[in-house]
Amino acid sequence: MAQALRFAIEEMPSSMLRGCVLEVDEDRFDGMQMQKLYDADGYPLTRRGPAVRHRR
């Protein structure tokens, strides 16, 4: 799940994130929820710096 979050937040244009849903087992996360999970202290992967993110 962490790698999917990283892809959605760091690689996809932010305009696409608004319409995305990540489904893990029985749980569904919309774009805003994905951003919160990515920003959480418990996110296990190294994040890219904000200047490197592909925000469109």
N, C-alpha and C. Protein backbone atom coordinates (compact mmCIF):
# COMPACT_ATOMS: atom_id res chain seq x y z
N MET A 1 0.81 -1.19 0.00
CA MET A 1 0.00 0.00 0.00
C MET A 1 0.86 1.26 0.00
N ALA A 2 1.98 1.24 0.71
CA ALA A 2 2.84 2.42 0.79
C ALA A 2 3.38 2.79 -0.58
N GLN A 3 3.73 1.80 -1.39
CA GLN A 3 4.25 2.09 -2.72
C GLN A 3 3.16 2.68 -3.63
N ALA A 4 1.94 2.21 -3.48
CA ALA A 4 0.83 2.77 -4.25
C ALA A 4 0.58 4.22 -3.85
N LEU A 5 0.66 4.50 -2.55
CA LEU A 5 0.50 5.88 -2.08
C LEU A 5 1.60 6.77 -2.64
N ARG A 6 2.83 6.26 -2.59
CA ARG A 6 3.95 7.04 -3.11
C ARG A 6 3.73 7.38 -4.58
N PHE A 7 3.30 6.39 -5.36
CA PHE A 7 3.04 6.65 -6.78
C PHE A 7 1.94 7.69 -6.96
N ALA A 8 0.85 7.53 -6.25
CA ALA A 8 -0.29 8.44 -6.39
C ALA A 8 0.09 9.88 -6.01
N ILE A 9 0.85 10.05 -4.95
CA ILE A 9 1.17 11.38 -4.47
C ILE A 9 2.34 12.00 -5.23
N GLU A 10 3.36 11.21 -5.50
CA GLU A 10 4.58 11.76 -6.09
C GLU A 10 4.61 11.75 -7.61
N GLU A 11 3.92 10.83 -8.24
CA GLU A 11 4.04 10.68 -9.68
C GLU A 11 2.82 11.16 -10.47
N MET A 12 1.65 10.95 -9.94
CA MET A 12 0.45 11.33 -10.68
C MET A 12 0.20 12.82 -10.58
N PRO A 13 -0.35 13.42 -11.62
CA PRO A 13 -0.75 14.83 -11.51
C PRO A 13 -1.80 14.99 -10.41
N SER A 14 -1.72 16.06 -9.65
CA SER A 14 -2.65 16.26 -8.54
C SER A 14 -4.10 16.31 -9.02
N SER A 15 -4.31 16.74 -10.26
CA SER A 15 -5.68 16.77 -10.79
C SER A 15 -6.27 15.37 -10.89
N MET A 16 -5.44 14.36 -11.12
CA MET A 16 -5.93 12.98 -11.18
C MET A 16 -6.19 12.43 -9.79
N LEU A 17 -5.45 12.90 -8.81
CA LEU A 17 -5.60 12.39 -7.44
C LEU A 17 -7.00 12.66 -6.91
N ARG A 18 -7.58 13.76 -7.30
CA ARG A 18 -8.92 14.10 -6.81
C ARG A 18 -9.96 13.05 -7.16
N GLY A 19 -9.79 12.38 -8.29
CA GLY A 19 -10.77 11.39 -8.71
C GLY A 19 -10.37 9.96 -8.43
N CYS A 20 -9.23 9.76 -7.79
CA CYS A 20 -8.71 8.41 -7.54
C CYS A 20 -9.28 7.81 -6.26
N VAL A 21 -9.32 6.51 -6.27
CA VAL A 21 -9.68 5.75 -5.07
C VAL A 21 -8.69 4.59 -4.97
N LEU A 22 -8.12 4.41 -3.80
CA LEU A 22 -7.25 3.29 -3.52
C LEU A 22 -8.04 2.29 -2.69
N GLU A 23 -8.11 1.06 -3.17
CA GLU A 23 -8.85 0.03 -2.45
C GLU A 23 -7.86 -1.00 -1.92
N VAL A 24 -7.90 -1.22 -0.61
CA VAL A 24 -7.03 -2.19 0.05
C VAL A 24 -7.92 -3.09 0.89
N ASP A 25 -7.97 -4.36 0.51
CA ASP A 25 -8.89 -5.30 1.15
C ASP A 25 -10.30 -4.73 1.09
N GLU A 26 -10.91 -4.44 2.21
CA GLU A 26 -12.28 -3.91 2.25
C GLU A 26 -12.31 -2.39 2.43
N ASP A 27 -11.15 -1.76 2.52
CA ASP A 27 -11.08 -0.32 2.77
C ASP A 27 -10.88 0.45 1.47
N ARG A 28 -11.52 1.62 1.38
CA ARG A 28 -11.38 2.50 0.22
C ARG A 28 -10.92 3.87 0.72
N PHE A 29 -9.94 4.44 0.00
CA PHE A 29 -9.37 5.74 0.38
C PHE A 29 -9.47 6.67 -0.83
N ASP A 30 -10.08 7.85 -0.63
CA ASP A 30 -10.13 8.83 -1.72
C ASP A 30 -8.83 9.64 -1.71
N GLY A 31 -8.71 10.56 -2.65
CA GLY A 31 -7.48 11.34 -2.80
C GLY A 31 -7.07 12.08 -1.54
N MET A 32 -8.02 12.67 -0.85
CA MET A 32 -7.71 13.41 0.37
C MET A 32 -7.21 12.46 1.46
N GLN A 33 -7.85 11.31 1.57
CA GLN A 33 -7.42 10.33 2.56
C GLN A 33 -6.04 9.78 2.22
N MET A 34 -5.77 9.59 0.93
CA MET A 34 -4.45 9.11 0.52
C MET A 34 -3.38 10.13 0.90
N GLN A 35 -3.66 11.40 0.69
CA GLN A 35 -2.69 12.44 1.05
C GLN A 35 -2.42 12.43 2.56
N LYS A 36 -3.47 12.26 3.35
CA LYS A 36 -3.29 12.21 4.81
C LYS A 36 -2.45 11.01 5.22
N LEU A 37 -2.68 9.86 4.60
CA LEU A 37 -1.88 8.67 4.91
C LEU A 37 -0.42 8.89 4.53
N TYR A 38 -0.19 9.50 3.39
CA TYR A 38 1.17 9.78 2.92
C TYR A 38 1.88 10.76 3.86
N ASP A 39 1.15 11.75 4.36
CA ASP A 39 1.73 12.76 5.23
C ASP A 39 1.88 12.31 6.68
N ALA A 40 1.27 11.20 7.05
CA ALA A 40 1.29 10.73 8.44
C ALA A 40 2.70 10.35 8.88
N ASP A 41 2.97 10.52 10.16
CA ASP A 41 4.27 10.17 10.73
C ASP A 41 4.60 8.69 10.53
N GLY A 42 3.61 7.84 10.46
CA GLY A 42 3.83 6.41 10.34
C GLY A 42 4.08 5.92 8.92
N TYR A 43 4.10 6.81 7.93
CA TYR A 43 4.35 6.39 6.55
C TYR A 43 5.74 5.77 6.47
N PRO A 44 5.85 4.52 6.00
CA PRO A 44 7.11 3.77 6.14
C PRO A 44 8.20 4.06 5.10
N LEU A 45 7.89 4.72 4.01
CA LEU A 45 8.88 4.93 2.96
C LEU A 45 9.45 6.34 3.00
N THR A 46 10.62 6.52 2.41
CA THR A 46 11.23 7.84 2.32
C THR A 46 10.45 8.68 1.32
N ARG A 47 10.11 9.88 1.72
CA ARG A 47 9.35 10.79 0.84
C ARG A 47 10.33 11.66 0.06
N ARG A 48 9.90 12.03 -1.12
CA ARG A 48 10.67 13.01 -1.89
C ARG A 48 10.36 14.38 -1.32
N GLY A 49 11.26 15.31 -1.49
CA GLY A 49 11.01 16.67 -1.04
C GLY A 49 9.90 17.29 -1.86
N PRO A 50 9.16 18.27 -1.29
CA PRO A 50 8.03 18.90 -1.98
C PRO A 50 8.41 19.49 -3.33
N ALA A 51 9.63 20.00 -3.48
CA ALA A 51 10.03 20.60 -4.74
C ALA A 51 10.18 19.57 -5.86
N VAL A 52 10.37 18.30 -5.49
CA VAL A 52 10.59 17.25 -6.47
C VAL A 52 9.28 16.62 -6.93
N ARG A 53 8.25 16.71 -6.14
CA ARG A 53 6.97 16.09 -6.47
C ARG A 53 6.43 16.63 -7.78
N HIS A 54 5.78 15.78 -8.52
CA HIS A 54 5.20 16.15 -9.80
C HIS A 54 3.77 16.62 -9.59
N ARG A 55 3.59 17.81 -9.10
CA ARG A 55 2.26 18.36 -8.84
C ARG A 55 1.84 19.19 -10.04
N ARG A 56 0.75 18.79 -10.69
CA ARG A 56 0.26 19.52 -11.86
C ARG A 56 -1.17 19.92 -11.63
